[in-house]
């Protein structure tokens, strides 16, 4: 079963692009849901108010919130 990953992104964000490349090449099965906080007020409110993050990218993986692009932490949460 694929691990669901929600990624909160912004337009023209270099770390968001790096994060998407990392997840696209992930050696485990993942379901990626991208939510752009500049294009969706609902995504912005969810990211900022629910998960208390104003950083892009922000990840929700296995019930955990990861703020910013931290490859090591992402891989650790995925069990890699």
PDB file of N, CA and C in Angstrom:
ATOM      1  N   UNK A   1       0.838  -1.181   0.000  1.00  0.00           N
ATOM      2  CA  UNK A   1       0.000   0.000   0.000  1.00  0.00           C
ATOM      3  C   UNK A   1       0.883   1.246   0.000  1.00  0.00           C
ATOM      4  N   UNK A   2       0.539   2.196  -0.816  1.00  0.00           N
ATOM      5  CA  UNK A   2       1.339   3.412  -0.954  1.00  0.00           C
ATOM      6  C   UNK A   2       1.200   4.305   0.275  1.00  0.00           C
ATOM      7  N   UNK A   3       2.295   4.944   0.635  1.00  0.00           N
ATOM      8  CA  UNK A   3       2.289   5.935   1.698  1.00  0.00           C
ATOM      9  C   UNK A   3       1.811   7.257   1.114  1.00  0.00           C
ATOM     10  N   UNK A   4       0.789   7.835   1.737  1.00  0.00           N
ATOM     11  CA  UNK A   4       0.264   9.117   1.257  1.00  0.00           C
ATOM     12  C   UNK A   4       1.119  10.250   1.808  1.00  0.00           C
ATOM     13  N   UNK A   5       1.551  11.119   0.902  1.00  0.00           N
ATOM     14  CA  UNK A   5       2.360  12.276   1.275  1.00  0.00           C
ATOM     15  C   UNK A   5       1.671  13.519   0.742  1.00  0.00           C
ATOM     16  N   UNK A   6       1.350  14.438   1.642  1.00  0.00           N
ATOM     17  CA  UNK A   6       0.821  15.733   1.225  1.00  0.00           C
ATOM     18  C   UNK A   6       1.982  16.710   1.248  1.00  0.00           C
ATOM     19  N   UNK A   7       2.161  17.426   0.140  1.00  0.00           N
ATOM     20  CA  UNK A   7       3.240  18.407   0.032  1.00  0.00           C
ATOM     21  C   UNK A   7       2.611  19.769  -0.229  1.00  0.00           C
ATOM     22  N   UNK A   8       2.845  20.697   0.689  1.00  0.00           N
ATOM     23  CA  UNK A   8       2.386  22.073   0.515  1.00  0.00           C
ATOM     24  C   UNK A   8       3.514  22.835  -0.167  1.00  0.00           C
ATOM     25  N   UNK A   9       3.212  23.415  -1.324  1.00  0.00           N
ATOM     26  CA  UNK A   9       4.235  24.056  -2.144  1.00  0.00           C
ATOM     27  C   UNK A   9       3.866  25.497  -2.467  1.00  0.00           C
ATOM     28  N   UNK A  10       4.834  26.193  -3.077  1.00  0.00           N
ATOM     29  CA  UNK A  10       4.639  27.545  -3.601  1.00  0.00           C
ATOM     30  C   UNK A  10       5.156  27.567  -5.036  1.00  0.00           C
ATOM     31  N   UNK A  11       4.718  28.548  -5.791  1.00  0.00           N
ATOM     32  CA  UNK A  11       5.217  28.739  -7.151  1.00  0.00           C
ATOM     33  C   UNK A  11       6.679  29.183  -7.113  1.00  0.00           C
ATOM     34  N   UNK A  12       7.452  28.757  -8.078  1.00  0.00           N
ATOM     35  CA  UNK A  12       8.851  29.179  -8.238  1.00  0.00           C
ATOM     36  C   UNK A  12       9.684  28.968  -6.980  1.00  0.00           C
ATOM     37  N   UNK A  13       9.450  27.873  -6.304  1.00  0.00           N
ATOM     38  CA  UNK A  13      10.158  27.543  -5.064  1.00  0.00           C
ATOM     39  C   UNK A  13      11.186  26.454  -5.371  1.00  0.00           C
ATOM     40  N   UNK A  14      12.490  26.786  -5.340  1.00  0.00           N
ATOM     41  CA  UNK A  14      13.519  25.789  -5.664  1.00  0.00           C
ATOM     42  C   UNK A  14      13.466  24.548  -4.771  1.00  0.00           C
ATOM     43  N   UNK A  15      13.244  24.736  -3.476  1.00  0.00           N
ATOM     44  CA  UNK A  15      13.187  23.575  -2.580  1.00  0.00           C
ATOM     45  C   UNK A  15      11.944  22.729  -2.820  1.00  0.00           C
ATOM     46  N   UNK A  16      10.858  23.355  -3.263  1.00  0.00           N
ATOM     47  CA  UNK A  16       9.655  22.591  -3.615  1.00  0.00           C
ATOM     48  C   UNK A  16       9.941  21.710  -4.823  1.00  0.00           C
ATOM     49  N   UNK A  17      10.649  22.250  -5.790  1.00  0.00           N
ATOM     50  CA  UNK A  17      11.007  21.472  -6.981  1.00  0.00           C
ATOM     51  C   UNK A  17      11.934  20.319  -6.614  1.00  0.00           C
ATOM     52  N   UNK A  18      12.905  20.578  -5.734  1.00  0.00           N
ATOM     53  CA  UNK A  18      13.809  19.515  -5.276  1.00  0.00           C
ATOM     54  C   UNK A  18      13.031  18.424  -4.549  1.00  0.00           C
ATOM     55  N   UNK A  19      12.072  18.836  -3.730  1.00  0.00           N
ATOM     56  CA  UNK A  19      11.267  17.874  -2.974  1.00  0.00           C
ATOM     57  C   UNK A  19      10.460  16.986  -3.911  1.00  0.00           C
ATOM     58  N   UNK A  20       9.850  17.577  -4.933  1.00  0.00           N
ATOM     59  CA  UNK A  20       9.064  16.785  -5.887  1.00  0.00           C
ATOM     60  C   UNK A  20       9.951  15.803  -6.638  1.00  0.00           C
ATOM     61  N   UNK A  21      11.163  16.227  -6.999  1.00  0.00           N
ATOM     62  CA  UNK A  21      12.096  15.325  -7.682  1.00  0.00           C
ATOM     63  C   UNK A  21      12.473  14.165  -6.766  1.00  0.00           C
ATOM     64  N   UNK A  22      12.726  14.460  -5.493  1.00  0.00           N
ATOM     65  CA  UNK A  22      13.070  13.414  -4.531  1.00  0.00           C
ATOM     66  C   UNK A  22      11.931  12.404  -4.407  1.00  0.00           C
ATOM     67  N   UNK A  23      10.718  12.891  -4.244  1.00  0.00           N
ATOM     68  CA  UNK A  23       9.578  11.995  -4.063  1.00  0.00           C
ATOM     69  C   UNK A  23       9.271  11.200  -5.327  1.00  0.00           C
ATOM     70  N   UNK A  24       9.471  11.815  -6.489  1.00  0.00           N
ATOM     71  CA  UNK A  24       9.249  11.104  -7.753  1.00  0.00           C
ATOM     72  C   UNK A  24      10.218   9.940  -7.935  1.00  0.00           C
ATOM     73  N   UNK A  25      11.400  10.043  -7.326  1.00  0.00           N
ATOM     74  CA  UNK A  25      12.401   8.978  -7.461  1.00  0.00           C
ATOM     75  C   UNK A  25      12.478   8.092  -6.216  1.00  0.00           C
ATOM     76  N   UNK A  26      11.508   8.217  -5.338  1.00  0.00           N
ATOM     77  CA  UNK A  26      11.498   7.476  -4.078  1.00  0.00           C
ATOM     78  C   UNK A  26      11.422   5.971  -4.344  1.00  0.00           C
ATOM     79  N   UNK A  27      12.252   5.170  -3.643  1.00  0.00           N
ATOM     80  CA  UNK A  27      12.272   3.723  -3.883  1.00  0.00           C
ATOM     81  C   UNK A  27      11.095   2.968  -3.262  1.00  0.00           C
ATOM     82  N   UNK A  28      10.233   3.644  -2.517  1.00  0.00           N
ATOM     83  CA  UNK A  28       9.033   3.000  -1.977  1.00  0.00           C
ATOM     84  C   UNK A  28       7.816   3.608  -2.659  1.00  0.00           C
ATOM     85  N   UNK A  29       6.716   2.878  -2.610  1.00  0.00           N
ATOM     86  CA  UNK A  29       5.493   3.350  -3.268  1.00  0.00           C
ATOM     87  C   UNK A  29       4.876   4.487  -2.456  1.00  0.00           C
ATOM     88  N   UNK A  30       4.697   5.639  -3.106  1.00  0.00           N
ATOM     89  CA  UNK A  30       4.102   6.795  -2.446  1.00  0.00           C
ATOM     90  C   UNK A  30       2.980   7.367  -3.310  1.00  0.00           C
ATOM     91  N   UNK A  31       2.002   7.940  -2.637  1.00  0.00           N
ATOM     92  CA  UNK A  31       0.931   8.686  -3.296  1.00  0.00           C
ATOM     93  C   UNK A  31       1.153  10.142  -2.915  1.00  0.00           C
ATOM     94  N   UNK A  32       1.491  10.967  -3.886  1.00  0.00           N
ATOM     95  CA  UNK A  32       1.827  12.362  -3.627  1.00  0.00           C
ATOM     96  C   UNK A  32       0.623  13.239  -3.941  1.00  0.00           C
ATOM     97  N   UNK A  33       0.241  14.051  -2.958  1.00  0.00           N
ATOM     98  CA  UNK A  33      -0.824  15.029  -3.137  1.00  0.00           C
ATOM     99  C   UNK A  33      -0.183  16.398  -2.950  1.00  0.00           C
ATOM    100  N   UNK A  34      -0.126  17.169  -4.030  1.00  0.00           N
ATOM    101  CA  UNK A  34       0.480  18.498  -3.962  1.00  0.00           C
ATOM    102  C   UNK A  34      -0.604  19.540  -3.756  1.00  0.00           C
ATOM    103  N   UNK A  35      -0.377  20.427  -2.787  1.00  0.00           N
ATOM    104  CA  UNK A  35      -1.302  21.523  -2.510  1.00  0.00           C
ATOM    105  C   UNK A  35      -0.504  22.825  -2.549  1.00  0.00           C
ATOM    106  N   UNK A  36      -0.816  23.669  -3.512  1.00  0.00           N
ATOM    107  CA  UNK A  36      -0.094  24.925  -3.680  1.00  0.00           C
ATOM    108  C   UNK A  36      -0.737  25.992  -2.804  1.00  0.00           C
ATOM    109  N   UNK A  37       0.025  26.513  -1.842  1.00  0.00           N
ATOM    110  CA  UNK A  37      -0.527  27.475  -0.883  1.00  0.00           C
ATOM    111  C   UNK A  37      -0.679  28.875  -1.471  1.00  0.00           C
ATOM    112  N   UNK A  38      -0.120  29.117  -2.649  1.00  0.00           N
ATOM    113  CA  UNK A  38      -0.312  30.404  -3.314  1.00  0.00           C
ATOM    114  C   UNK A  38      -1.537  30.389  -4.224  1.00  0.00           C
ATOM    115  N   UNK A  39      -1.967  29.207  -4.607  1.00  0.00           N
ATOM    116  CA  UNK A  39      -3.086  29.089  -5.541  1.00  0.00           C
ATOM    117  C   UNK A  39      -4.381  28.648  -4.880  1.00  0.00           C
ATOM    118  N   UNK A  40      -4.309  28.207  -3.638  1.00  0.00           N
ATOM    119  CA  UNK A  40      -5.502  27.715  -2.941  1.00  0.00           C
ATOM    120  C   UNK A  40      -5.534  28.255  -1.516  1.00  0.00           C
ATOM    121  N   UNK A  41      -6.552  29.053  -1.214  1.00  0.00           N
ATOM    122  CA  UNK A  41      -6.689  29.586   0.142  1.00  0.00           C
ATOM    123  C   UNK A  41      -6.941  28.455   1.136  1.00  0.00           C
ATOM    124  N   UNK A  42      -7.623  27.402   0.688  1.00  0.00           N
ATOM    125  CA  UNK A  42      -7.863  26.253   1.570  1.00  0.00           C
ATOM    126  C   UNK A  42      -6.547  25.566   1.933  1.00  0.00           C
ATOM    127  N   UNK A  43      -5.674  25.397   0.946  1.00  0.00           N
ATOM    128  CA  UNK A  43      -4.368  24.782   1.207  1.00  0.00           C
ATOM    129  C   UNK A  43      -3.540  25.665   2.133  1.00  0.00           C
ATOM    130  N   UNK A  44      -3.577  26.974   1.901  1.00  0.00           N
ATOM    131  CA  UNK A  44      -2.840  27.913   2.759  1.00  0.00           C
ATOM    132  C   UNK A  44      -3.348  27.821   4.200  1.00  0.00           C
ATOM    133  N   UNK A  45      -4.668  27.898   4.380  1.00  0.00           N
ATOM    134  CA  UNK A  45      -5.242  27.830   5.726  1.00  0.00           C
ATOM    135  C   UNK A  45      -4.891  26.520   6.420  1.00  0.00           C
ATOM    136  N   UNK A  46      -4.957  25.415   5.690  1.00  0.00           N
ATOM    137  CA  UNK A  46      -4.632  24.108   6.254  1.00  0.00           C
ATOM    138  C   UNK A  46      -3.176  24.065   6.707  1.00  0.00           C
ATOM    139  N   UNK A  47      -2.284  24.514   5.840  1.00  0.00           N
ATOM    140  CA  UNK A  47      -0.851  24.477   6.142  1.00  0.00           C
ATOM    141  C   UNK A  47      -0.518  25.371   7.338  1.00  0.00           C
ATOM    142  N   UNK A  48      -1.016  26.596   7.307  1.00  0.00           N
ATOM    143  CA  UNK A  48      -0.663  27.577   8.337  1.00  0.00           C
ATOM    144  C   UNK A  48      -1.418  27.333   9.643  1.00  0.00           C
ATOM    145  N   UNK A  49      -2.720  27.153   9.563  1.00  0.00           N
ATOM    146  CA  UNK A  49      -3.526  27.068  10.782  1.00  0.00           C
ATOM    147  C   UNK A  49      -3.562  25.674  11.401  1.00  0.00           C
ATOM    148  N   UNK A  50      -3.677  24.650  10.585  1.00  0.00           N
ATOM    149  CA  UNK A  50      -3.765  23.287  11.122  1.00  0.00           C
ATOM    150  C   UNK A  50      -2.395  22.732  11.500  1.00  0.00           C
ATOM    151  N   UNK A  51      -1.394  22.980  10.635  1.00  0.00           N
ATOM    152  CA  UNK A  51      -0.070  22.404  10.863  1.00  0.00           C
ATOM    153  C   UNK A  51       0.957  23.422  11.327  1.00  0.00           C
ATOM    154  N   UNK A  52       0.527  24.675  11.508  1.00  0.00           N
ATOM    155  CA  UNK A  52       1.369  25.748  12.053  1.00  0.00           C
ATOM    156  C   UNK A  52       2.671  25.922  11.288  1.00  0.00           C
ATOM    157  N   UNK A  53       2.580  25.878   9.964  1.00  0.00           N
ATOM    158  CA  UNK A  53       3.762  26.056   9.128  1.00  0.00           C
ATOM    159  C   UNK A  53       3.504  27.131   8.088  1.00  0.00           C
ATOM    160  N   UNK A  54       4.445  28.046   7.966  1.00  0.00           N
ATOM    161  CA  UNK A  54       4.378  29.037   6.889  1.00  0.00           C
ATOM    162  C   UNK A  54       5.572  28.859   5.958  1.00  0.00           C
ATOM    163  N   UNK A  55       6.112  27.642   5.955  1.00  0.00           N
ATOM    164  CA  UNK A  55       7.288  27.303   5.166  1.00  0.00           C
ATOM    165  C   UNK A  55       6.895  26.395   4.006  1.00  0.00           C
ATOM    166  N   UNK A  56       7.513  26.632   2.875  1.00  0.00           N
ATOM    167  CA  UNK A  56       7.323  25.735   1.730  1.00  0.00           C
ATOM    168  C   UNK A  56       8.682  25.177   1.338  1.00  0.00           C
ATOM    169  N   UNK A  57       8.745  23.890   1.100  1.00  0.00           N
ATOM    170  CA  UNK A  57       7.656  22.938   1.207  1.00  0.00           C
ATOM    171  C   UNK A  57       7.413  22.504   2.649  1.00  0.00           C
ATOM    172  N   UNK A  58       6.200  22.083   2.904  1.00  0.00           N
ATOM    173  CA  UNK A  58       5.823  21.430   4.154  1.00  0.00           C
ATOM    174  C   UNK A  58       5.228  20.087   3.774  1.00  0.00           C
ATOM    175  N   UNK A  59       5.590  19.053   4.518  1.00  0.00           N
ATOM    176  CA  UNK A  59       5.162  17.687   4.222  1.00  0.00           C
ATOM    177  C   UNK A  59       4.319  17.141   5.361  1.00  0.00           C
ATOM    178  N   UNK A  60       3.317  16.323   5.011  1.00  0.00           N
ATOM    179  CA  UNK A  60       2.578  15.513   5.971  1.00  0.00           C
ATOM    180  C   UNK A  60       2.783  14.066   5.550  1.00  0.00           C
ATOM    181  N   UNK A  61       3.511  13.331   6.388  1.00  0.00           N
ATOM    182  CA  UNK A  61       3.828  11.931   6.099  1.00  0.00           C
ATOM    183  C   UNK A  61       3.577  11.119   7.366  1.00  0.00           C
ATOM    184  N   UNK A  62       2.746  10.108   7.262  1.00  0.00           N
ATOM    185  CA  UNK A  62       2.485   9.214   8.403  1.00  0.00           C
ATOM    186  C   UNK A  62       2.136   9.983   9.674  1.00  0.00           C
ATOM    187  N   UNK A  63       1.304  11.012   9.539  1.00  0.00           N
ATOM    188  CA  UNK A  63       0.871  11.784  10.699  1.00  0.00           C
ATOM    189  C   UNK A  63       1.878  12.791  11.215  1.00  0.00           C
ATOM    190  N   UNK A  64       3.002  12.909  10.553  1.00  0.00           N
ATOM    191  CA  UNK A  64       4.040  13.859  10.980  1.00  0.00           C
ATOM    192  C   UNK A  64       4.112  15.027  10.024  1.00  0.00           C
ATOM    193  N   UNK A  65       4.455  16.180  10.560  1.00  0.00           N
ATOM    194  CA  UNK A  65       4.657  17.382   9.755  1.00  0.00           C
ATOM    195  C   UNK A  65       6.145  17.661   9.680  1.00  0.00           C
ATOM    196  N   UNK A  66       6.639  17.826   8.471  1.00  0.00           N
ATOM    197  CA  UNK A  66       8.040  18.189   8.248  1.00  0.00           C
ATOM    198  C   UNK A  66       8.035  19.537   7.548  1.00  0.00           C
ATOM    199  N   UNK A  67       8.643  20.521   8.191  1.00  0.00           N
ATOM    200  CA  UNK A  67       8.681  21.873   7.642  1.00  0.00           C
ATOM    201  C   UNK A  67      10.009  22.112   6.949  1.00  0.00           C
ATOM    202  N   UNK A  68       9.944  22.494   5.682  1.00  0.00           N
ATOM    203  CA  UNK A  68      11.156  22.733   4.910  1.00  0.00           C
ATOM    204  C   UNK A  68      11.652  21.451   4.267  1.00  0.00           C
ATOM    205  N   UNK A  69      12.591  21.610   3.344  1.00  0.00           N
ATOM    206  CA  UNK A  69      13.134  20.455   2.627  1.00  0.00           C
ATOM    207  C   UNK A  69      14.278  19.864   3.429  1.00  0.00           C
ATOM    208  N   UNK A  70      14.008  18.727   4.064  1.00  0.00           N
ATOM    209  CA  UNK A  70      14.998  18.020   4.861  1.00  0.00           C
ATOM    210  C   UNK A  70      14.993  16.566   4.387  1.00  0.00           C
ATOM    211  N   UNK A  71      15.852  16.283   3.415  1.00  0.00           N
ATOM    212  CA  UNK A  71      15.864  14.963   2.781  1.00  0.00           C
ATOM    213  C   UNK A  71      16.043  13.840   3.793  1.00  0.00           C
ATOM    214  N   UNK A  72      16.941  14.019   4.747  1.00  0.00           N
ATOM    215  CA  UNK A  72      17.194  12.983   5.742  1.00  0.00           C
ATOM    216  C   UNK A  72      15.969  12.678   6.582  1.00  0.00           C
ATOM    217  N   UNK A  73      15.272  13.701   7.015  1.00  0.00           N
ATOM    218  CA  UNK A  73      14.078  13.498   7.836  1.00  0.00           C
ATOM    219  C   UNK A  73      12.956  12.843   7.025  1.00  0.00           C
ATOM    220  N   UNK A  74      12.809  13.261   5.766  1.00  0.00           N
ATOM    221  CA  UNK A  74      11.795  12.662   4.896  1.00  0.00           C
ATOM    222  C   UNK A  74      12.076  11.172   4.718  1.00  0.00           C
ATOM    223  N   UNK A  75      13.319  10.826   4.415  1.00  0.00           N
ATOM    224  CA  UNK A  75      13.692   9.423   4.218  1.00  0.00           C
ATOM    225  C   UNK A  75      13.500   8.628   5.505  1.00  0.00           C
ATOM    226  N   UNK A  76      13.831   9.224   6.639  1.00  0.00           N
ATOM    227  CA  UNK A  76      13.665   8.556   7.926  1.00  0.00           C
ATOM    228  C   UNK A  76      12.196   8.239   8.198  1.00  0.00           C
ATOM    229  N   UNK A  77      11.303   9.201   7.962  1.00  0.00           N
ATOM    230  CA  UNK A  77       9.873   8.983   8.188  1.00  0.00           C
ATOM    231  C   UNK A  77       9.332   7.904   7.251  1.00  0.00           C
ATOM    232  N   UNK A  78       9.896   7.819   6.049  1.00  0.00           N
ATOM    233  CA  UNK A  78       9.482   6.790   5.091  1.00  0.00           C
ATOM    234  C   UNK A  78      10.126   5.431   5.377  1.00  0.00           C
ATOM    235  N   UNK A  79      11.001   5.378   6.381  1.00  0.00           N
ATOM    236  CA  UNK A  79      11.647   4.121   6.743  1.00  0.00           C
ATOM    237  C   UNK A  79      12.803   3.740   5.848  1.00  0.00           C
ATOM    238  N   UNK A  80      13.433   4.739   5.224  1.00  0.00           N
ATOM    239  CA  UNK A  80      14.552   4.467   4.312  1.00  0.00           C
ATOM    240  C   UNK A  80      15.876   4.899   4.912  1.00  0.00           C
TER     241      UNK A  80
END
